[in-house]
Structure formats: structure tokens, C-alpha cells
C-alpha atoms as a PDB file:
ATOM      1  CA  MET A   1      57.885 116.003  81.266  1.00  0.00           C
ATOM      2  CA  ASP A   2      59.403 112.441  82.506  1.00  0.00           C
ATOM      3  CA  SER A   3      60.703 112.361  85.792  1.00  0.00           C
ATOM      4  CA  GLN A   4      62.140 108.396  85.623  1.00  0.00           C
ATOM      5  CA  HIS A   5      66.563 108.902  84.079  1.00  0.00           C
ATOM      6  CA  ASP A   6      68.328 105.698  83.244  1.00  0.00           C
ATOM      7  CA  SER A   7      71.160 105.478  85.873  1.00  0.00           C
ATOM      8  CA  ALA A   8      73.277 102.623  86.717  1.00  0.00           C
ATOM      9  CA  PRO A   9      73.473 101.688  90.114  1.00  0.00           C
ATOM     10  CA  ALA A  10      76.431 103.909  92.076  1.00  0.00           C
ATOM     11  CA  SER A  11      77.436 101.311  94.190  1.00  0.00           C
ATOM     12  CA  ARG A  12      80.633 100.416  92.374  1.00  0.00           C
ATOM     13  CA  PRO A  13      82.921 102.573  89.748  1.00  0.00           C
ATOM     14  CA  PRO A  14      83.959 101.846  86.850  1.00  0.00           C
ATOM     15  CA  GLU A  15      86.937  99.506  86.528  1.00  0.00           C
ATOM     16  CA  SER A  16      88.803 102.320  84.286  1.00  0.00           C
ATOM     17  CA  SER A  17      88.656 104.245  87.629  1.00  0.00           C
ATOM     18  CA  ARG A  18      90.046 101.211  89.537  1.00  0.00           C
ATOM     19  CA  SER A  19      93.671  99.675  90.008  1.00  0.00           C
ATOM     20  CA  GLN A  20      95.532  97.223  91.186  1.00  0.00           C
ATOM     21  CA  THR A  21      97.527  98.841  94.393  1.00  0.00           C
ATOM     22  CA  THR A  22      99.983  97.078  96.838  1.00  0.00           C
ATOM     23  CA  LEU A  23     100.761  98.244 100.129  1.00  0.00           C
ATOM     24  CA  ARG A  24     102.990  96.701 102.605  1.00  0.00           C
ATOM     25  CA  VAL A  25     101.216  97.460 105.954  1.00  0.00           C
ATOM     26  CA  ASN A  26     102.471  96.773 109.287  1.00  0.00           C
ATOM     27  CA  GLY A  27     105.424  94.491 107.336  1.00  0.00           C
ATOM     28  CA  LYS A  28     102.930  92.483 105.679  1.00  0.00           C
ATOM     29  CA  PRO A  29     101.736  92.655 101.735  1.00  0.00           C
ATOM     30  CA  HIS A  30      98.294  93.750 100.597  1.00  0.00           C
ATOM     31  CA  THR A  31      97.310  93.917  97.320  1.00  0.00           C
ATOM     32  CA  LEU A  32      93.543  95.381  96.750  1.00  0.00           C
ATOM     33  CA  THR A  33      91.918  96.555  94.008  1.00  0.00           C
ATOM     34  CA  VAL A  34      91.248 100.073  94.886  1.00  0.00           C
ATOM     35  CA  ASP A  35      89.109 102.944  93.757  1.00  0.00           C
ATOM     36  CA  HIS A  36      91.518 105.705  92.601  1.00  0.00           C
ATOM     37  CA  ARG A  37      89.149 108.377  94.868  1.00  0.00           C
ATOM     38  CA  ARG A  38      89.841 106.352  98.023  1.00  0.00           C
ATOM     39  CA  VAL A  39      91.812 107.907 100.645  1.00  0.00           C
ATOM     40  CA  LEU A  40      94.772 105.875 102.774  1.00  0.00           C
ATOM     41  CA  LEU A  41      92.542 106.330 105.816  1.00  0.00           C
ATOM     42  CA  ASP A  42      89.666 104.507 104.386  1.00  0.00           C
ATOM     43  CA  LEU A  43      91.751 101.845 102.642  1.00  0.00           C
ATOM     44  CA  LEU A  44      93.276 101.436 106.583  1.00  0.00           C
ATOM     45  CA  ARG A  45      90.125 101.577 108.389  1.00  0.00           C
ATOM     46  CA  GLU A  46      87.456 100.026 106.613  1.00  0.00           C
ATOM     47  CA  ASP A  47      89.181  97.690 104.027  1.00  0.00           C
ATOM     48  CA  LEU A  48      92.166  96.533 106.185  1.00  0.00           C
ATOM     49  CA  GLU A  49      89.946  96.844 109.820  1.00  0.00           C
ATOM     50  CA  LEU A  50      92.729  98.749 111.101  1.00  0.00           C
ATOM     51  CA  ALA A  51      90.824 101.122 113.376  1.00  0.00           C
ATOM     52  CA  GLY A  52      94.082 102.879 115.207  1.00  0.00           C
ATOM     53  CA  ALA A  53      93.792 105.850 113.069  1.00  0.00           C
ATOM     54  CA  LYS A  54      91.004 108.014 113.617  1.00  0.00           C
ATOM     55  CA  LYS A  55      89.103 110.397 110.933  1.00  0.00           C
ATOM     56  CA  GLY A  56      88.967 113.805 112.575  1.00  0.00           C
ATOM     57  CA  CYS A  57      88.597 116.569 110.563  1.00  0.00           C
ATOM     58  CA  ASP A  58      89.312 114.986 106.941  1.00  0.00           C
ATOM     59  CA  HIS A  59      90.845 118.023 105.827  1.00  0.00           C
ATOM     60  CA  GLY A  60      94.135 117.503 107.118  1.00  0.00           C
ATOM     61  CA  GLN A  61      94.385 119.545 109.895  1.00  0.00           C
ATOM     62  CA  CYS A  62      94.270 117.560 113.437  1.00  0.00           C
ATOM     63  CA  GLY A  63      96.788 114.930 112.833  1.00  0.00           C
ATOM     64  CA  ALA A  64      93.916 112.084 114.226  1.00  0.00           C
ATOM     65  CA  CYS A  65      94.804 110.054 111.027  1.00  0.00           C
ATOM     66  CA  THR A  66      98.586 110.473 111.074  1.00  0.00           C
ATOM     67  CA  VAL A  67     100.552 107.060 110.148  1.00  0.00           C
ATOM     68  CA  LEU A  68     104.226 106.407 108.680  1.00  0.00           C
ATOM     69  CA  VAL A  69     104.486 105.954 105.062  1.00  0.00           C
ATOM     70  CA  ASP A  70     108.109 104.857 104.149  1.00  0.00           C
ATOM     71  CA  GLY A  71     108.987 106.470 107.997  1.00  0.00           C
ATOM     72  CA  ARG A  72     108.036 109.553 107.399  1.00  0.00           C
ATOM     73  CA  ARG A  73     104.778 110.818 108.782  1.00  0.00           C
ATOM     74  CA  VAL A  74     101.968 111.554 106.917  1.00  0.00           C
ATOM     75  CA  ASN A  75      98.027 112.781 107.186  1.00  0.00           C
ATOM     76  CA  SER A  76      96.203 109.975 105.507  1.00  0.00           C
ATOM     77  CA  CYS A  77      93.086 111.657 105.014  1.00  0.00           C
ATOM     78  CA  LEU A  78      94.815 113.326 102.418  1.00  0.00           C
ATOM     79  CA  LEU A  79      96.776 110.549  99.923  1.00  0.00           C
ATOM     80  CA  PHE A  80      95.179 108.583  97.552  1.00  0.00           C
ATOM     81  CA  ALA A  81      95.694 104.790  98.633  1.00  0.00           C
ATOM     82  CA  VAL A  82      97.011 103.784  94.566  1.00  0.00           C
ATOM     83  CA  ALA A  83      99.750 106.622  94.951  1.00  0.00           C
ATOM     84  CA  LEU A  84     101.290 104.679  97.556  1.00  0.00           C
ATOM     85  CA  ASP A  85     101.576 101.451  95.807  1.00  0.00           C
ATOM     86  CA  GLY A  86     104.477  99.747  97.303  1.00  0.00           C
ATOM     87  CA  CYS A  87     104.799 101.783 100.000  1.00  0.00           C
ATOM     88  CA  GLU A  88     105.454 100.719 103.504  1.00  0.00           C
ATOM     89  CA  ILE A  89     102.484 101.525 105.390  1.00  0.00           C
ATOM     90  CA  THR A  90     102.870 101.841 109.662  1.00  0.00           C
ATOM     91  CA  THR A  91      99.875 102.682 111.641  1.00  0.00           C
ATOM     92  CA  VAL A  92      99.987 102.350 115.436  1.00  0.00           C
ATOM     93  CA  GLU A  93      98.918  98.597 115.594  1.00  0.00           C
ATOM     94  CA  GLY A  94     102.084  98.099 113.494  1.00  0.00           C
ATOM     95  CA  LEU A  95     104.981 100.045 115.874  1.00  0.00           C
ATOM     96  CA  ALA A  96     105.364  97.410 118.126  1.00  0.00           C
ATOM     97  CA  GLY A  97     105.607  94.979 115.597  1.00  0.00           C
ATOM     98  CA  ASP A  98     104.750  91.039 115.945  1.00  0.00           C
ATOM     99  CA  GLY A  99     105.863  90.977 119.441  1.00  0.00           C
ATOM    100  CA  GLU A 100     103.893  91.714 122.751  1.00  0.00           C
ATOM    101  CA  GLU A 101     106.363  94.549 123.589  1.00  0.00           C
ATOM    102  CA  LEU A 102     105.092  98.071 123.312  1.00  0.00           C
ATOM    103  CA  HIS A 103     107.054 100.604 121.345  1.00  0.00           C
ATOM    104  CA  PRO A 104     109.124 102.678 123.405  1.00  0.00           C
ATOM    105  CA  VAL A 105     106.621 105.368 122.409  1.00  0.00           C
ATOM    106  CA  GLN A 106     103.635 103.705 123.600  1.00  0.00           C
ATOM    107  CA  ARG A 107     105.019 102.633 126.481  1.00  0.00           C
ATOM    108  CA  ALA A 108     106.195 106.174 127.409  1.00  0.00           C
ATOM    109  CA  PHE A 109     102.694 107.761 126.839  1.00  0.00           C
ATOM    110  CA  LEU A 110     100.932 104.953 129.271  1.00  0.00           C
ATOM    111  CA  ASP A 111     103.765 105.699 131.700  1.00  0.00           C
ATOM    112  CA  ARG A 112     103.077 109.515 131.867  1.00  0.00           C
ATOM    113  CA  ASP A 113      99.255 109.021 131.557  1.00  0.00           C
ATOM    114  CA  ALA A 114      99.498 110.857 128.150  1.00  0.00           C
ATOM    115  CA  PHE A 115      96.101 110.795 126.948  1.00  0.00           C
ATOM    116  CA  GLN A 116      92.507 111.624 128.371  1.00  0.00           C
ATOM    117  CA  CYS A 117      89.997 110.071 125.614  1.00  0.00           C
ATOM    118  CA  GLY A 118      92.249 108.514 123.914  1.00  0.00           C
ATOM    119  CA  TYR A 119      90.984 109.885 120.633  1.00  0.00           C
ATOM    120  CA  CYS A 120      94.147 111.460 118.940  1.00  0.00           C
ATOM    121  CA  THR A 121      96.310 109.109 120.613  1.00  0.00           C
ATOM    122  CA  PRO A 122      97.312 106.751 118.087  1.00  0.00           C
ATOM    123  CA  GLY A 123      98.082 110.110 115.982  1.00  0.00           C
ATOM    124  CA  GLN A 124     100.110 111.790 118.165  1.00  0.00           C
ATOM    125  CA  ILE A 125     102.315 108.564 118.881  1.00  0.00           C
ATOM    126  CA  CYS A 126     102.770 108.069 115.252  1.00  0.00           C
ATOM    127  CA  SER A 127     103.900 111.355 115.207  1.00  0.00           C
ATOM    128  CA  ALA A 128     105.863 110.901 117.801  1.00  0.00           C
ATOM    129  CA  VAL A 129     107.453 108.242 116.213  1.00  0.00           C
ATOM    130  CA  GLY A 130     108.565 110.436 113.173  1.00  0.00           C
ATOM    131  CA  ALA A 131     109.265 113.766 114.727  1.00  0.00           C
ATOM    132  CA  LEU A 132     112.003 111.368 116.292  1.00  0.00           C
ATOM    133  CA  ALA A 133     113.264 110.435 113.438  1.00  0.00           C
ATOM    134  CA  GLU A 134     113.006 113.618 111.840  1.00  0.00           C
ATOM    135  CA  ALA A 135     115.745 114.999 114.324  1.00  0.00           C
ATOM    136  CA  ALA A 136     118.005 112.310 114.349  1.00  0.00           C
ATOM    137  CA  ALA A 137     118.034 112.580 110.847  1.00  0.00           C
ATOM    138  CA  GLY A 138     119.052 116.514 110.954  1.00  0.00           C
ATOM    139  CA  HIS A 139     115.690 117.889 109.440  1.00  0.00           C
ATOM    140  CA  PRO A 140     115.059 120.952 110.971  1.00  0.00           C
ATOM    141  CA  SER A 141     111.680 122.661 112.419  1.00  0.00           C
ATOM    142  CA  HIS A 142     110.614 126.380 112.179  1.00  0.00           C
ATOM    143  CA  VAL A 143     112.273 126.598 115.644  1.00  0.00           C
ATOM    144  CA  THR A 144     115.501 124.954 115.368  1.00  0.00           C
ATOM    145  CA  ASP A 145     118.458 127.438 115.978  1.00  0.00           C
ATOM    146  CA  PRO A 146     119.731 128.454 112.567  1.00  0.00           C
ATOM    147  CA  ALA A 147     123.185 127.368 113.686  1.00  0.00           C
ATOM    148  CA  VAL A 148     123.009 123.683 113.883  1.00  0.00           C
ATOM    149  CA  PRO A 149     125.094 122.680 111.344  1.00  0.00           C
ATOM    150  CA  SER A 150     122.976 120.933 108.585  1.00  0.00           C
ATOM    151  CA  GLY A 151     122.153 117.108 108.057  1.00  0.00           C
ATOM    152  CA  GLU A 152     123.190 116.681 111.965  1.00  0.00           C
ATOM    153  CA  PRO A 153     120.470 115.494 114.281  1.00  0.00           C
ATOM    154  CA  VAL A 154     118.993 118.387 115.882  1.00  0.00           C
ATOM    155  CA  ALA A 155     118.726 118.132 119.916  1.00  0.00           C
ATOM    156  CA  LEU A 156     114.753 117.740 121.020  1.00  0.00           C
ATOM    157  CA  GLY A 157     114.103 119.854 123.727  1.00  0.00           C
ATOM    158  CA  ARG A 158     110.975 121.201 124.874  1.00  0.00           C
ATOM    159  CA  GLU A 159     110.242 123.929 122.442  1.00  0.00           C
ATOM    160  CA  GLU A 160     110.921 121.374 119.397  1.00  0.00           C
ATOM    161  CA  ILE A 161     109.072 118.655 120.631  1.00  0.00           C
ATOM    162  CA  ARG A 162     106.147 121.257 120.905  1.00  0.00           C
ATOM    163  CA  GLU A 163     106.530 122.654 117.480  1.00  0.00           C
ATOM    164  CA  ARG A 164     107.033 118.986 115.772  1.00  0.00           C
ATOM    165  CA  LEU A 165     104.191 117.829 117.499  1.00  0.00           C
ATOM    166  CA  SER A 166     101.758 121.198 116.402  1.00  0.00           C
ATOM    167  CA  GLY A 167     100.468 119.578 113.464  1.00  0.00           C
ATOM    168  CA  ASN A 168      98.514 116.988 116.036  1.00  0.00           C
ATOM    169  CA  LEU A 169      95.665 118.475 117.954  1.00  0.00           C
ATOM    170  CA  CYS A 170      94.410 116.799 121.422  1.00  0.00           C
ATOM    171  CA  ARG A 171      91.238 118.602 122.457  1.00  0.00           C
ATOM    172  CA  CYS A 172      91.544 117.354 125.920  1.00  0.00           C
ATOM    173  CA  GLY A 173      94.585 119.304 126.338  1.00  0.00           C
ATOM    174  CA  ALA A 174      97.337 116.552 127.461  1.00  0.00           C
ATOM    175  CA  TYR A 175     100.229 118.242 125.577  1.00  0.00           C
ATOM    176  CA  PRO A 176     101.989 118.786 128.791  1.00  0.00           C
ATOM    177  CA  ARG A 177     102.302 115.131 129.264  1.00  0.00           C
ATOM    178  CA  ILE A 178     102.364 114.084 125.859  1.00  0.00           C
ATOM    179  CA  ALA A 179     106.115 116.299 125.877  1.00  0.00           C
ATOM    180  CA  ASP A 180     107.095 114.570 128.689  1.00  0.00           C
ATOM    181  CA  ALA A 181     106.058 111.281 126.590  1.00  0.00           C
ATOM    182  CA  VAL A 182     108.119 112.214 124.430  1.00  0.00           C
ATOM    183  CA  GLU A 183     110.956 113.226 126.247  1.00  0.00           C
ATOM    184  CA  ASP A 184     111.553 109.914 128.149  1.00  0.00           C
ATOM    185  CA  VAL A 185     112.394 108.666 124.695  1.00  0.00           C
ATOM    186  CA  ILE A 186     114.466 111.262 123.098  1.00  0.00           C
ATOM    187  CA  PRO A 187     117.727 108.954 122.448  1.00  0.00           C
END
């Protein structure tokens, strides 16, 4: 019995499983040839060297990889990069834009000391930015009062903030300070 097998090196997938994809990341266009199986998180961290979004659970359960896609918060570990062709991606590195001034949520996190080890902080901040936008646009959460008219902005009290950020885990337990920081930036 022969134990040798003819096989090509597995270093690169065949061209038929790769597509040219253009993503606008933090305001700048990036056109890459991407393996169809590559998730957005890996593309951001490994190809674009944006290390803010973290790889936590790799199953969409911890929120450490949260970024904004066309303004909506998403778990970047679950999205195939090729499916986002043409989308606007904002990571924690891009929230402040090109200026030196931090985004108000970033500033509030620093002012409130809303982190301990910092691992979950980029995802928490992106999630908070997305949650604020969702509430302003009238998207209800599980705890939103059903009497609130559909499409009207949702008032963000402590219970709403906690519910809306419940998909982002902090193993250090900085939740009270995180909620304080979000309360500080409610318009």
C-alpha cells in the first residue's frame, strides 16, 4: 500500500473561490482579492492590520468583534467579507475620523473608566455607537415600552442601555461604568 498522495499545497485556494471585493473601511476604499470563506474580522485584522476588533469566541456570542457596517452594528466574525462588497465598514479606529479628537463615546469610556483589561472595549464602543443610532432611529429593543409609537426615537434609560448592549460581554465586569459612559452621550 502506497502512503504517498498527489496533492497540491493547500496554501492558497483556487482562483474560482476568490473574488475581487471593494470595502470602504474607515472612509478609505480597499479593493482586495478575497477568499470566499474569509470573514470580515480576519480581513480587518490580518489584511488591513486594524487590530481594534478582537477575536473572542469566533461564534458571534461575545461581541468583541463588533464593528459597524453601513452604520449598523454587526459581529464581524460571522460575516463573509465578499458579501459586503461596496459596504462602508467603521471600526473603532475609524470612529474619530481623520481628526485627533475622539468620538464622544470613546471620550466617555475614558472619562468613566469604562474598561479594565480593555479587550472588549473596541466592540463595546462600536456597539454603543450603533445602539445610540438604533434608538434615535426608533428601533425598539426587547424592553422598549410597547406604547412608544413605531419609528419614534426610543428614550435610553439604564434598562434600555443594558438590553441593547447585552450582546457584548465584559469578563472584567465593567458593565456599570459602560452604562454610565453611554448615559453620558445620550443626546
